[in-house]
PDB file of N, CA and C in Angstrom:
ATOM      1  N   UNK A   1     127.787 -32.572 -45.940  1.00  0.00           N
ATOM      2  CA  UNK A   1     126.864 -32.325 -45.016  1.00  0.00           C
ATOM      3  C   UNK A   1     126.506 -33.600 -44.370  1.00  0.00           C
ATOM      4  N   UNK A   2     126.459 -33.635 -42.990  1.00  0.00           N
ATOM      5  CA  UNK A   2     126.154 -34.885 -42.342  1.00  0.00           C
ATOM      6  C   UNK A   2     124.629 -35.230 -42.316  1.00  0.00           C
ATOM      7  N   UNK A   3     124.198 -36.375 -42.042  1.00  0.00           N
ATOM      8  CA  UNK A   3     122.767 -36.691 -41.990  1.00  0.00           C
ATOM      9  C   UNK A   3     122.091 -35.866 -40.856  1.00  0.00           C
ATOM     10  N   UNK A   4     122.793 -35.575 -39.741  1.00  0.00           N
ATOM     11  CA  UNK A   4     122.171 -34.721 -38.744  1.00  0.00           C
ATOM     12  C   UNK A   4     121.939 -33.334 -39.313  1.00  0.00           C
ATOM     13  N   UNK A   5     122.927 -32.790 -39.994  1.00  0.00           N
ATOM     14  CA  UNK A   5     122.789 -31.502 -40.510  1.00  0.00           C
ATOM     15  C   UNK A   5     121.732 -31.378 -41.578  1.00  0.00           C
ATOM     16  N   UNK A   6     121.590 -32.421 -42.409  1.00  0.00           N
ATOM     17  CA  UNK A   6     120.511 -32.486 -43.325  1.00  0.00           C
ATOM     18  C   UNK A   6     119.209 -32.481 -42.732  1.00  0.00           C
ATOM     19  N   UNK A   7     118.944 -33.223 -41.716  1.00  0.00           N
ATOM     20  CA  UNK A   7     117.847 -33.277 -40.923  1.00  0.00           C
ATOM     21  C   UNK A   7     117.491 -31.802 -40.279  1.00  0.00           C
ATOM     22  N   UNK A   8     118.415 -31.108 -39.837  1.00  0.00           N
ATOM     23  CA  UNK A   8     118.353 -29.774 -39.268  1.00  0.00           C
ATOM     24  C   UNK A   8     117.866 -28.827 -40.423  1.00  0.00           C
ATOM     25  N   UNK A   9     118.610 -28.927 -41.523  1.00  0.00           N
ATOM     26  CA  UNK A   9     118.229 -28.024 -42.640  1.00  0.00           C
ATOM     27  C   UNK A   9     116.796 -28.149 -43.148  1.00  0.00           C
ATOM     28  N   UNK A  10     116.386 -29.360 -43.151  1.00  0.00           N
ATOM     29  CA  UNK A  10     114.811 -29.560 -43.560  1.00  0.00           C
ATOM     30  C   UNK A  10     114.045 -29.138 -42.450  1.00  0.00           C
ATOM     31  N   UNK A  11     114.275 -29.355 -41.205  1.00  0.00           N
ATOM     32  CA  UNK A  11     113.502 -28.827 -40.123  1.00  0.00           C
ATOM     33  C   UNK A  11     113.282 -27.303 -40.196  1.00  0.00           C
ATOM     34  N   UNK A  12     114.475 -26.711 -40.548  1.00  0.00           N
ATOM     35  CA  UNK A  12     114.442 -25.241 -40.692  1.00  0.00           C
ATOM     36  C   UNK A  12     113.506 -24.747 -41.830  1.00  0.00           C
ATOM     37  N   UNK A  13     113.124 -25.705 -42.796  1.00  0.00           N
ATOM     38  CA  UNK A  13     112.239 -25.346 -43.847  1.00  0.00           C
ATOM     39  C   UNK A  13     110.894 -25.943 -43.611  1.00  0.00           C
ATOM     40  N   UNK A  14     110.668 -26.232 -42.268  1.00  0.00           N
ATOM     41  CA  UNK A  14     109.391 -26.800 -41.827  1.00  0.00           C
ATOM     42  C   UNK A  14     108.986 -28.067 -42.492  1.00  0.00           C
ATOM     43  N   UNK A  15     110.030 -28.932 -42.662  1.00  0.00           N
ATOM     44  CA  UNK A  15     109.825 -30.240 -43.168  1.00  0.00           C
ATOM     45  C   UNK A  15     110.180 -31.222 -41.994  1.00  0.00           C
ATOM     46  N   UNK A  16     109.345 -32.104 -41.636  1.00  0.00           N
ATOM     47  CA  UNK A  16     109.724 -32.994 -40.546  1.00  0.00           C
ATOM     48  C   UNK A  16     110.689 -34.035 -41.003  1.00  0.00           C
ATOM     49  N   UNK A  17     111.853 -33.910 -40.254  1.00  0.00           N
ATOM     50  CA  UNK A  17     112.982 -34.845 -40.720  1.00  0.00           C
ATOM     51  C   UNK A  17     113.717 -35.252 -39.362  1.00  0.00           C
ATOM     52  N   UNK A  18     114.231 -36.490 -39.411  1.00  0.00           N
ATOM     53  CA  UNK A  18     114.875 -37.070 -38.170  1.00  0.00           C
ATOM     54  C   UNK A  18     116.033 -37.804 -38.661  1.00  0.00           C
ATOM     55  N   UNK A  19     117.101 -37.881 -37.825  1.00  0.00           N
ATOM     56  CA  UNK A  19     118.300 -38.671 -38.022  1.00  0.00           C
ATOM     57  C   UNK A  19     118.521 -39.582 -36.909  1.00  0.00           C
ATOM     58  N   UNK A  20     118.673 -40.870 -37.088  1.00  0.00           N
ATOM     59  CA  UNK A  20     118.949 -41.799 -36.024  1.00  0.00           C
ATOM     60  C   UNK A  20     120.284 -42.402 -36.437  1.00  0.00           C
ATOM     61  N   UNK A  21     121.114 -42.557 -35.354  1.00  0.00           N
ATOM     62  CA  UNK A  21     122.385 -43.014 -35.443  1.00  0.00           C
ATOM     63  C   UNK A  21     122.540 -44.209 -34.424  1.00  0.00           C
ATOM     64  N   UNK A  22     123.002 -45.428 -34.978  1.00  0.00           N
ATOM     65  CA  UNK A  22     123.243 -46.601 -34.086  1.00  0.00           C
ATOM     66  C   UNK A  22     124.635 -46.462 -33.618  1.00  0.00           C
ATOM     67  N   UNK A  23     124.791 -46.731 -32.279  1.00  0.00           N
ATOM     68  CA  UNK A  23     126.121 -46.651 -31.719  1.00  0.00           C
ATOM     69  C   UNK A  23     126.580 -45.261 -31.593  1.00  0.00           C
ATOM     70  N   UNK A  24     127.843 -45.080 -31.642  1.00  0.00           N
ATOM     71  CA  UNK A  24     128.447 -43.718 -31.565  1.00  0.00           C
ATOM     72  C   UNK A  24     128.623 -43.057 -32.980  1.00  0.00           C
ATOM     73  N   UNK A  25     128.147 -43.818 -34.094  1.00  0.00           N
ATOM     74  CA  UNK A  25     128.257 -43.268 -35.328  1.00  0.00           C
ATOM     75  C   UNK A  25     129.603 -43.402 -36.089  1.00  0.00           C
ATOM     76  N   UNK A  26     130.625 -44.012 -35.341  1.00  0.00           N
ATOM     77  CA  UNK A  26     131.896 -44.126 -35.842  1.00  0.00           C
ATOM     78  C   UNK A  26     132.315 -45.534 -36.004  1.00  0.00           C
ATOM     79  N   UNK A  27     131.447 -46.478 -35.450  1.00  0.00           N
ATOM     80  CA  UNK A  27     131.920 -47.943 -35.378  1.00  0.00           C
ATOM     81  C   UNK A  27     131.201 -48.909 -36.402  1.00  0.00           C
ATOM     82  N   UNK A  28     130.676 -48.228 -37.423  1.00  0.00           N
ATOM     83  CA  UNK A  28     129.943 -49.103 -38.357  1.00  0.00           C
ATOM     84  C   UNK A  28     128.693 -49.565 -38.226  1.00  0.00           C
ATOM     85  N   UNK A  29     127.858 -49.167 -37.128  1.00  0.00           N
ATOM     86  CA  UNK A  29     126.571 -49.734 -36.890  1.00  0.00           C
ATOM     87  C   UNK A  29     125.490 -49.115 -37.744  1.00  0.00           C
ATOM     88  N   UNK A  30     125.677 -47.936 -38.321  1.00  0.00           N
ATOM     89  CA  UNK A  30     124.664 -47.362 -39.191  1.00  0.00           C
ATOM     90  C   UNK A  30     123.997 -46.160 -38.904  1.00  0.00           C
ATOM     91  N   UNK A  31     123.225 -45.648 -39.679  1.00  0.00           N
ATOM     92  CA  UNK A  31     122.495 -44.487 -39.532  1.00  0.00           C
ATOM     93  C   UNK A  31     121.190 -44.551 -40.503  1.00  0.00           C
ATOM     94  N   UNK A  32     120.265 -43.799 -40.014  1.00  0.00           N
ATOM     95  CA  UNK A  32     119.089 -43.736 -40.905  1.00  0.00           C
ATOM     96  C   UNK A  32     118.507 -42.254 -40.798  1.00  0.00           C
ATOM     97  N   UNK A  33     118.122 -41.753 -42.009  1.00  0.00           N
ATOM     98  CA  UNK A  33     117.614 -40.384 -42.074  1.00  0.00           C
ATOM     99  C   UNK A  33     116.164 -40.561 -42.716  1.00  0.00           C
ATOM    100  N   UNK A  34     115.209 -39.898 -42.098  1.00  0.00           N
ATOM    101  CA  UNK A  34     113.789 -40.000 -42.569  1.00  0.00           C
ATOM    102  C   UNK A  34     113.231 -38.518 -42.642  1.00  0.00           C
ATOM    103  N   UNK A  35     112.606 -38.322 -43.830  1.00  0.00           N
ATOM    104  CA  UNK A  35     111.997 -36.962 -43.915  1.00  0.00           C
ATOM    105  C   UNK A  35     110.590 -37.154 -44.436  1.00  0.00           C
ATOM    106  N   UNK A  36     109.615 -36.525 -43.743  1.00  0.00           N
ATOM    107  CA  UNK A  36     108.144 -36.592 -44.223  1.00  0.00           C
ATOM    108  C   UNK A  36     107.928 -35.360 -44.942  1.00  0.00           C
ATOM    109  N   UNK A  37     107.728 -35.464 -46.282  1.00  0.00           N
ATOM    110  CA  UNK A  37     107.623 -34.347 -47.089  1.00  0.00           C
ATOM    111  C   UNK A  37     106.132 -33.681 -47.088  1.00  0.00           C
ATOM    112  N   UNK A  38     105.176 -34.627 -46.984  1.00  0.00           N
ATOM    113  CA  UNK A  38     103.833 -34.179 -46.785  1.00  0.00           C
ATOM    114  C   UNK A  38     103.058 -35.330 -46.192  1.00  0.00           C
ATOM    115  N   UNK A  39     101.752 -35.326 -46.209  1.00  0.00           N
ATOM    116  CA  UNK A  39     100.993 -36.128 -45.373  1.00  0.00           C
ATOM    117  C   UNK A  39     101.420 -37.698 -45.566  1.00  0.00           C
ATOM    118  N   UNK A  40     101.550 -38.158 -46.802  1.00  0.00           N
ATOM    119  CA  UNK A  40     101.836 -39.550 -47.009  1.00  0.00           C
ATOM    120  C   UNK A  40     103.099 -39.739 -47.904  1.00  0.00           C
ATOM    121  N   UNK A  41     104.005 -38.757 -47.973  1.00  0.00           N
ATOM    122  CA  UNK A  41     105.211 -38.746 -48.868  1.00  0.00           C
ATOM    123  C   UNK A  41     106.331 -38.715 -47.943  1.00  0.00           C
ATOM    124  N   UNK A  42     107.337 -39.682 -48.081  1.00  0.00           N
ATOM    125  CA  UNK A  42     108.510 -39.589 -47.280  1.00  0.00           C
ATOM    126  C   UNK A  42     109.731 -40.216 -47.994  1.00  0.00           C
ATOM    127  N   UNK A  43     110.905 -39.937 -47.659  1.00  0.00           N
ATOM    128  CA  UNK A  43     112.177 -40.474 -48.013  1.00  0.00           C
ATOM    129  C   UNK A  43     112.925 -41.031 -46.859  1.00  0.00           C
ATOM    130  N   UNK A  44     113.645 -42.099 -47.162  1.00  0.00           N
ATOM    131  CA  UNK A  44     114.547 -42.751 -46.068  1.00  0.00           C
ATOM    132  C   UNK A  44     116.021 -43.000 -46.763  1.00  0.00           C
ATOM    133  N   UNK A  45     116.921 -42.596 -46.029  1.00  0.00           N
ATOM    134  CA  UNK A  45     118.296 -42.872 -46.395  1.00  0.00           C
ATOM    135  C   UNK A  45     118.916 -43.760 -45.249  1.00  0.00           C
ATOM    136  N   UNK A  46     119.376 -44.847 -45.668  1.00  0.00           N
ATOM    137  CA  UNK A  46     119.874 -45.848 -44.675  1.00  0.00           C
ATOM    138  C   UNK A  46     121.253 -46.250 -44.939  1.00  0.00           C
ATOM    139  N   UNK A  47     122.165 -46.202 -43.928  1.00  0.00           N
ATOM    140  CA  UNK A  47     123.492 -46.732 -44.051  1.00  0.00           C
ATOM    141  C   UNK A  47     123.676 -47.808 -42.987  1.00  0.00           C
ATOM    142  N   UNK A  48     124.075 -49.016 -43.505  1.00  0.00           N
ATOM    143  CA  UNK A  48     124.327 -50.036 -42.484  1.00  0.00           C
ATOM    144  C   UNK A  48     125.481 -50.963 -42.978  1.00  0.00           C
ATOM    145  N   UNK A  49     125.754 -51.886 -42.215  1.00  0.00           N
ATOM    146  CA  UNK A  49     126.725 -52.864 -42.553  1.00  0.00           C
ATOM    147  C   UNK A  49     126.450 -53.606 -43.943  1.00  0.00           C
ATOM    148  N   UNK A  50     125.244 -53.553 -44.256  1.00  0.00           N
ATOM    149  CA  UNK A  50     124.834 -54.278 -45.403  1.00  0.00           C
ATOM    150  C   UNK A  50     124.804 -53.408 -46.697  1.00  0.00           C
ATOM    151  N   UNK A  51     124.852 -52.102 -46.560  1.00  0.00           N
ATOM    152  CA  UNK A  51     124.990 -51.256 -47.705  1.00  0.00           C
ATOM    153  C   UNK A  51     124.269 -49.924 -47.403  1.00  0.00           C
ATOM    154  N   UNK A  52     124.017 -49.237 -48.479  1.00  0.00           N
ATOM    155  CA  UNK A  52     123.486 -47.916 -48.459  1.00  0.00           C
ATOM    156  C   UNK A  52     122.248 -47.809 -49.319  1.00  0.00           C
ATOM    157  N   UNK A  53     121.100 -47.299 -48.968  1.00  0.00           N
ATOM    158  CA  UNK A  53     119.985 -47.208 -49.816  1.00  0.00           C
ATOM    159  C   UNK A  53     119.305 -45.830 -49.566  1.00  0.00           C
ATOM    160  N   UNK A  54     118.503 -45.494 -50.554  1.00  0.00           N
ATOM    161  CA  UNK A  54     117.598 -44.278 -50.653  1.00  0.00           C
ATOM    162  C   UNK A  54     116.240 -44.837 -51.112  1.00  0.00           C
ATOM    163  N   UNK A  55     115.235 -44.620 -50.329  1.00  0.00           N
ATOM    164  CA  UNK A  55     113.947 -45.012 -50.615  1.00  0.00           C
ATOM    165  C   UNK A  55     112.949 -43.799 -50.467  1.00  0.00           C
ATOM    166  N   UNK A  56     112.159 -43.614 -51.551  1.00  0.00           N
ATOM    167  CA  UNK A  56     111.124 -42.609 -51.451  1.00  0.00           C
ATOM    168  C   UNK A  56     109.844 -43.240 -51.786  1.00  0.00           C
ATOM    169  N   UNK A  57     108.861 -43.007 -50.888  1.00  0.00           N
ATOM    170  CA  UNK A  57     107.516 -43.576 -51.019  1.00  0.00           C
ATOM    171  C   UNK A  57     106.434 -42.512 -50.800  1.00  0.00           C
ATOM    172  N   UNK A  58     105.324 -42.996 -51.394  1.00  0.00           N
ATOM    173  CA  UNK A  58     104.073 -42.183 -51.250  1.00  0.00           C
ATOM    174  C   UNK A  58     102.881 -43.098 -50.956  1.00  0.00           C
ATOM    175  N   UNK A  59     102.108 -42.764 -49.977  1.00  0.00           N
ATOM    176  CA  UNK A  59     100.938 -43.606 -49.652  1.00  0.00           C
ATOM    177  C   UNK A  59     101.321 -45.003 -49.491  1.00  0.00           C
ATOM    178  N   UNK A  60     102.527 -45.271 -48.856  1.00  0.00           N
ATOM    179  CA  UNK A  60     102.966 -46.694 -48.630  1.00  0.00           C
ATOM    180  C   UNK A  60     103.524 -47.357 -49.842  1.00  0.00           C
ATOM    181  N   UNK A  61     103.585 -46.776 -50.892  1.00  0.00           N
ATOM    182  CA  UNK A  61     104.089 -47.406 -52.088  1.00  0.00           C
ATOM    183  C   UNK A  61     105.373 -46.893 -52.476  1.00  0.00           C
ATOM    184  N   UNK A  62     106.379 -47.656 -52.804  1.00  0.00           N
ATOM    185  CA  UNK A  62     107.750 -47.231 -53.074  1.00  0.00           C
ATOM    186  C   UNK A  62     107.706 -46.590 -54.460  1.00  0.00           C
ATOM    187  N   UNK A  63     108.315 -45.401 -54.530  1.00  0.00           N
ATOM    188  CA  UNK A  63     108.308 -44.625 -55.814  1.00  0.00           C
ATOM    189  C   UNK A  63     109.807 -44.855 -56.438  1.00  0.00           C
ATOM    190  N   UNK A  64     110.784 -44.736 -55.669  1.00  0.00           N
ATOM    191  CA  UNK A  64     112.115 -44.705 -55.963  1.00  0.00           C
ATOM    192  C   UNK A  64     112.972 -45.536 -54.969  1.00  0.00           C
ATOM    193  N   UNK A  65     113.881 -46.422 -55.490  1.00  0.00           N
ATOM    194  CA  UNK A  65     114.867 -46.995 -54.610  1.00  0.00           C
ATOM    195  C   UNK A  65     116.135 -46.962 -55.304  1.00  0.00           C
ATOM    196  N   UNK A  66     117.155 -46.414 -54.621  1.00  0.00           N
ATOM    197  CA  UNK A  66     118.490 -46.259 -55.113  1.00  0.00           C
ATOM    198  C   UNK A  66     119.443 -46.918 -54.051  1.00  0.00           C
ATOM    199  N   UNK A  67     120.437 -47.552 -54.599  1.00  0.00           N
ATOM    200  CA  UNK A  67     121.486 -48.247 -53.682  1.00  0.00           C
ATOM    201  C   UNK A  67     122.919 -47.952 -54.020  1.00  0.00           C
ATOM    202  N   UNK A  68     123.736 -47.915 -53.080  1.00  0.00           N
ATOM    203  CA  UNK A  68     125.125 -47.664 -53.292  1.00  0.00           C
ATOM    204  C   UNK A  68     125.472 -46.267 -53.774  1.00  0.00           C
ATOM    205  N   UNK A  69     126.246 -46.136 -54.752  1.00  0.00           N
ATOM    206  CA  UNK A  69     126.773 -44.794 -55.258  1.00  0.00           C
ATOM    207  C   UNK A  69     125.546 -43.959 -55.769  1.00  0.00           C
ATOM    208  N   UNK A  70     124.537 -44.459 -56.287  1.00  0.00           N
ATOM    209  CA  UNK A  70     123.281 -43.708 -56.684  1.00  0.00           C
ATOM    210  C   UNK A  70     122.701 -43.167 -55.503  1.00  0.00           C
ATOM    211  N   UNK A  71     122.427 -43.761 -54.355  1.00  0.00           N
ATOM    212  CA  UNK A  71     121.833 -43.303 -53.123  1.00  0.00           C
ATOM    213  C   UNK A  71     122.687 -42.183 -52.589  1.00  0.00           C
ATOM    214  N   UNK A  72     124.001 -42.336 -52.630  1.00  0.00           N
ATOM    215  CA  UNK A  72     124.838 -41.227 -52.146  1.00  0.00           C
ATOM    216  C   UNK A  72     124.791 -40.073 -53.016  1.00  0.00           C
ATOM    217  N   UNK A  73     124.708 -40.258 -54.269  1.00  0.00           N
ATOM    218  CA  UNK A  73     124.542 -39.101 -55.273  1.00  0.00           C
ATOM    219  C   UNK A  73     123.313 -38.347 -55.030  1.00  0.00           C
ATOM    220  N   UNK A  74     122.212 -39.048 -54.783  1.00  0.00           N
ATOM    221  CA  UNK A  74     120.961 -38.473 -54.482  1.00  0.00           C
ATOM    222  C   UNK A  74     120.963 -37.649 -53.131  1.00  0.00           C
ATOM    223  N   UNK A  75     121.704 -38.183 -52.136  1.00  0.00           N
ATOM    224  CA  UNK A  75     121.698 -37.518 -50.906  1.00  0.00           C
ATOM    225  C   UNK A  75     122.590 -36.228 -51.132  1.00  0.00           C
ATOM    226  N   UNK A  76     123.653 -36.303 -51.845  1.00  0.00           N
ATOM    227  CA  UNK A  76     124.556 -35.090 -52.154  1.00  0.00           C
ATOM    228  C   UNK A  76     123.690 -34.068 -52.934  1.00  0.00           C
ATOM    229  N   UNK A  77     122.899 -34.481 -53.871  1.00  0.00           N
ATOM    230  CA  UNK A  77     122.101 -33.603 -54.607  1.00  0.00           C
ATOM    231  C   UNK A  77     121.111 -32.850 -53.691  1.00  0.00           C
ATOM    232  N   UNK A  78     120.516 -33.564 -52.738  1.00  0.00           N
ATOM    233  CA  UNK A  78     119.599 -32.865 -51.813  1.00  0.00           C
ATOM    234  C   UNK A  78     120.356 -31.809 -51.000  1.00  0.00           C
ATOM    235  N   UNK A  79     121.499 -32.235 -50.564  1.00  0.00           N
ATOM    236  CA  UNK A  79     122.260 -31.368 -49.680  1.00  0.00           C
ATOM    237  C   UNK A  79     122.605 -30.141 -50.450  1.00  0.00           C
ATOM    238  N   UNK A  80     122.879 -30.211 -51.757  1.00  0.00           N
ATOM    239  CA  UNK A  80     123.241 -29.054 -52.554  1.00  0.00           C
ATOM    240  C   UNK A  80     122.054 -28.147 -52.712  1.00  0.00           C
ATOM    241  N   UNK A  81     120.803 -28.757 -52.947  1.00  0.00           N
ATOM    242  CA  UNK A  81     119.533 -27.930 -53.031  1.00  0.00           C
ATOM    243  C   UNK A  81     119.348 -27.196 -51.717  1.00  0.00           C
ATOM    244  N   UNK A  82     119.569 -27.867 -50.558  1.00  0.00           N
ATOM    245  CA  UNK A  82     119.358 -27.249 -49.288  1.00  0.00           C
ATOM    246  C   UNK A  82     120.353 -26.048 -48.950  1.00  0.00           C
ATOM    247  N   UNK A  83     121.440 -26.109 -49.663  1.00  0.00           N
ATOM    248  CA  UNK A  83     122.430 -25.023 -49.446  1.00  0.00           C
ATOM    249  C   UNK A  83     122.069 -23.735 -50.248  1.00  0.00           C
ATOM    250  N   UNK A  84     121.165 -23.877 -51.154  1.00  0.00           N
ATOM    251  CA  UNK A  84     120.550 -22.764 -51.883  1.00  0.00           C
ATOM    252  C   UNK A  84     119.492 -22.086 -51.113  1.00  0.00           C
ATOM    253  N   UNK A  85     119.045 -20.920 -51.471  1.00  0.00           N
ATOM    254  CA  UNK A  85     117.922 -20.245 -50.777  1.00  0.00           C
ATOM    255  C   UNK A  85     116.669 -21.166 -50.738  1.00  0.00           C
ATOM    256  N   UNK A  86     115.878 -20.996 -49.628  1.00  0.00           N
ATOM    257  CA  UNK A  86     114.590 -21.769 -49.434  1.00  0.00           C
ATOM    258  C   UNK A  86     113.674 -21.591 -50.593  1.00  0.00           C
ATOM    259  N   UNK A  87     113.108 -22.652 -51.115  1.00  0.00           N
ATOM    260  CA  UNK A  87     112.064 -22.458 -52.165  1.00  0.00           C
ATOM    261  C   UNK A  87     110.814 -22.015 -51.576  1.00  0.00           C
ATOM    262  N   UNK A  88     110.028 -21.380 -52.551  1.00  0.00           N
ATOM    263  CA  UNK A  88     108.585 -21.019 -52.027  1.00  0.00           C
ATOM    264  C   UNK A  88     107.704 -22.213 -52.007  1.00  0.00           C
ATOM    265  N   UNK A  89     106.703 -22.092 -51.278  1.00  0.00           N
ATOM    266  CA  UNK A  89     105.643 -23.187 -51.280  1.00  0.00           C
ATOM    267  C   UNK A  89     105.019 -23.475 -52.705  1.00  0.00           C
ATOM    268  N   UNK A  90     104.701 -24.670 -52.978  1.00  0.00           N
ATOM    269  CA  UNK A  90     103.909 -25.059 -54.159  1.00  0.00           C
ATOM    270  C   UNK A  90     102.460 -24.626 -53.898  1.00  0.00           C
ATOM    271  N   UNK A  91     101.699 -24.596 -55.076  1.00  0.00           N
ATOM    272  CA  UNK A  91     100.324 -24.207 -54.965  1.00  0.00           C
ATOM    273  C   UNK A  91      99.522 -24.983 -53.915  1.00  0.00           C
ATOM    274  N   UNK A  92      99.830 -26.298 -53.712  1.00  0.00           N
ATOM    275  CA  UNK A  92      99.128 -27.105 -52.721  1.00  0.00           C
ATOM    276  C   UNK A  92      99.630 -26.848 -51.367  1.00  0.00           C
ATOM    277  N   UNK A  93     100.654 -26.061 -51.118  1.00  0.00           N
ATOM    278  CA  UNK A  93     101.171 -25.823 -49.801  1.00  0.00           C
ATOM    279  C   UNK A  93     102.353 -26.672 -49.453  1.00  0.00           C
ATOM    280  N   UNK A  94     102.726 -27.623 -50.254  1.00  0.00           N
ATOM    281  CA  UNK A  94     103.848 -28.429 -50.069  1.00  0.00           C
ATOM    282  C   UNK A  94     105.264 -27.757 -50.423  1.00  0.00           C
ATOM    283  N   UNK A  95     106.250 -28.117 -49.833  1.00  0.00           N
ATOM    284  CA  UNK A  95     107.518 -27.506 -50.058  1.00  0.00           C
ATOM    285  C   UNK A  95     108.243 -28.541 -51.126  1.00  0.00           C
ATOM    286  N   UNK A  96     108.686 -28.068 -52.207  1.00  0.00           N
ATOM    287  CA  UNK A  96     109.301 -28.885 -53.135  1.00  0.00           C
ATOM    288  C   UNK A  96     110.814 -28.503 -53.319  1.00  0.00           C
ATOM    289  N   UNK A  97     111.584 -29.526 -53.146  1.00  0.00           N
ATOM    290  CA  UNK A  97     112.995 -29.257 -53.308  1.00  0.00           C
ATOM    291  C   UNK A  97     113.417 -29.298 -54.799  1.00  0.00           C
ATOM    292  N   UNK A  98     112.733 -29.953 -55.623  1.00  0.00           N
ATOM    293  CA  UNK A  98     112.992 -30.050 -56.934  1.00  0.00           C
ATOM    294  C   UNK A  98     111.736 -30.066 -57.793  1.00  0.00           C
ATOM    295  N   UNK A  99     111.155 -28.934 -58.076  1.00  0.00           N
ATOM    296  CA  UNK A  99     109.954 -28.872 -58.666  1.00  0.00           C
ATOM    297  C   UNK A  99     109.785 -29.640 -60.104  1.00  0.00           C
ATOM    298  N   UNK A 100     110.826 -29.670 -60.767  1.00  0.00           N
ATOM    299  CA  UNK A 100     110.815 -30.326 -62.120  1.00  0.00           C
ATOM    300  C   UNK A 100     110.822 -31.796 -61.945  1.00  0.00           C
ATOM    301  N   UNK A 101     111.035 -32.372 -60.804  1.00  0.00           N
ATOM    302  CA  UNK A 101     111.009 -33.809 -60.642  1.00  0.00           C
ATOM    303  C   UNK A 101     109.754 -34.258 -59.975  1.00  0.00           C
ATOM    304  N   UNK A 102     108.774 -33.559 -59.775  1.00  0.00           N
ATOM    305  CA  UNK A 102     107.493 -33.883 -59.049  1.00  0.00           C
ATOM    306  C   UNK A 102     106.811 -35.107 -59.595  1.00  0.00           C
ATOM    307  N   UNK A 103     107.042 -35.423 -60.830  1.00  0.00           N
ATOM    308  CA  UNK A 103     106.371 -36.613 -61.443  1.00  0.00           C
ATOM    309  C   UNK A 103     106.923 -37.934 -60.763  1.00  0.00           C
ATOM    310  N   UNK A 104     108.215 -37.912 -60.457  1.00  0.00           N
ATOM    311  CA  UNK A 104     108.928 -39.006 -59.900  1.00  0.00           C
ATOM    312  C   UNK A 104     108.937 -38.991 -58.400  1.00  0.00           C
ATOM    313  N   UNK A 105     108.951 -37.787 -57.865  1.00  0.00           N
ATOM    314  CA  UNK A 105     109.063 -37.606 -56.383  1.00  0.00           C
ATOM    315  C   UNK A 105     109.952 -36.331 -56.134  1.00  0.00           C
ATOM    316  N   UNK A 106     109.844 -35.917 -54.971  1.00  0.00           N
ATOM    317  CA  UNK A 106     110.402 -34.591 -54.660  1.00  0.00           C
ATOM    318  C   UNK A 106     111.908 -34.492 -54.701  1.00  0.00           C
ATOM    319  N   UNK A 107     112.555 -35.701 -54.532  1.00  0.00           N
ATOM    320  CA  UNK A 107     114.050 -35.634 -54.522  1.00  0.00           C
ATOM    321  C   UNK A 107     114.670 -36.249 -55.694  1.00  0.00           C
ATOM    322  N   UNK A 108     113.949 -36.890 -56.570  1.00  0.00           N
ATOM    323  CA  UNK A 108     114.379 -37.621 -57.646  1.00  0.00           C
ATOM    324  C   UNK A 108     114.924 -36.797 -58.793  1.00  0.00           C
ATOM    325  N   UNK A 109     115.842 -37.418 -59.570  1.00  0.00           N
ATOM    326  CA  UNK A 109     116.414 -36.626 -60.648  1.00  0.00           C
ATOM    327  C   UNK A 109     115.476 -36.461 -61.789  1.00  0.00           C
ATOM    328  N   UNK A 110     115.408 -35.368 -62.462  1.00  0.00           N
ATOM    329  CA  UNK A 110     114.487 -35.189 -63.620  1.00  0.00           C
ATOM    330  C   UNK A 110     114.719 -36.217 -64.705  1.00  0.00           C
TER     331      UNK A 110
END
């Protein structure tokens, strides 16, 4: 799944998500994917000439930061979750892609 397809899948589940690609996407300039999970909870996946990172934060505080292969694995895990049927809203009205991982963050591994 491409970052653009991931953003579209999240948007289809009423989660604000955006994908930014620098250059034409083929020349190594990079890409950034950002999803706002609720009011102050977001994730960012960044691919650049300097590396790959996954950062999840809440209220401006970093919860999880993964780099390299771990960041790619987390992105692949999210893509797999999105390919399954849409989850039902949680009691607070938020959409959770991994309910068992809520203590660490919506997309983190249990």
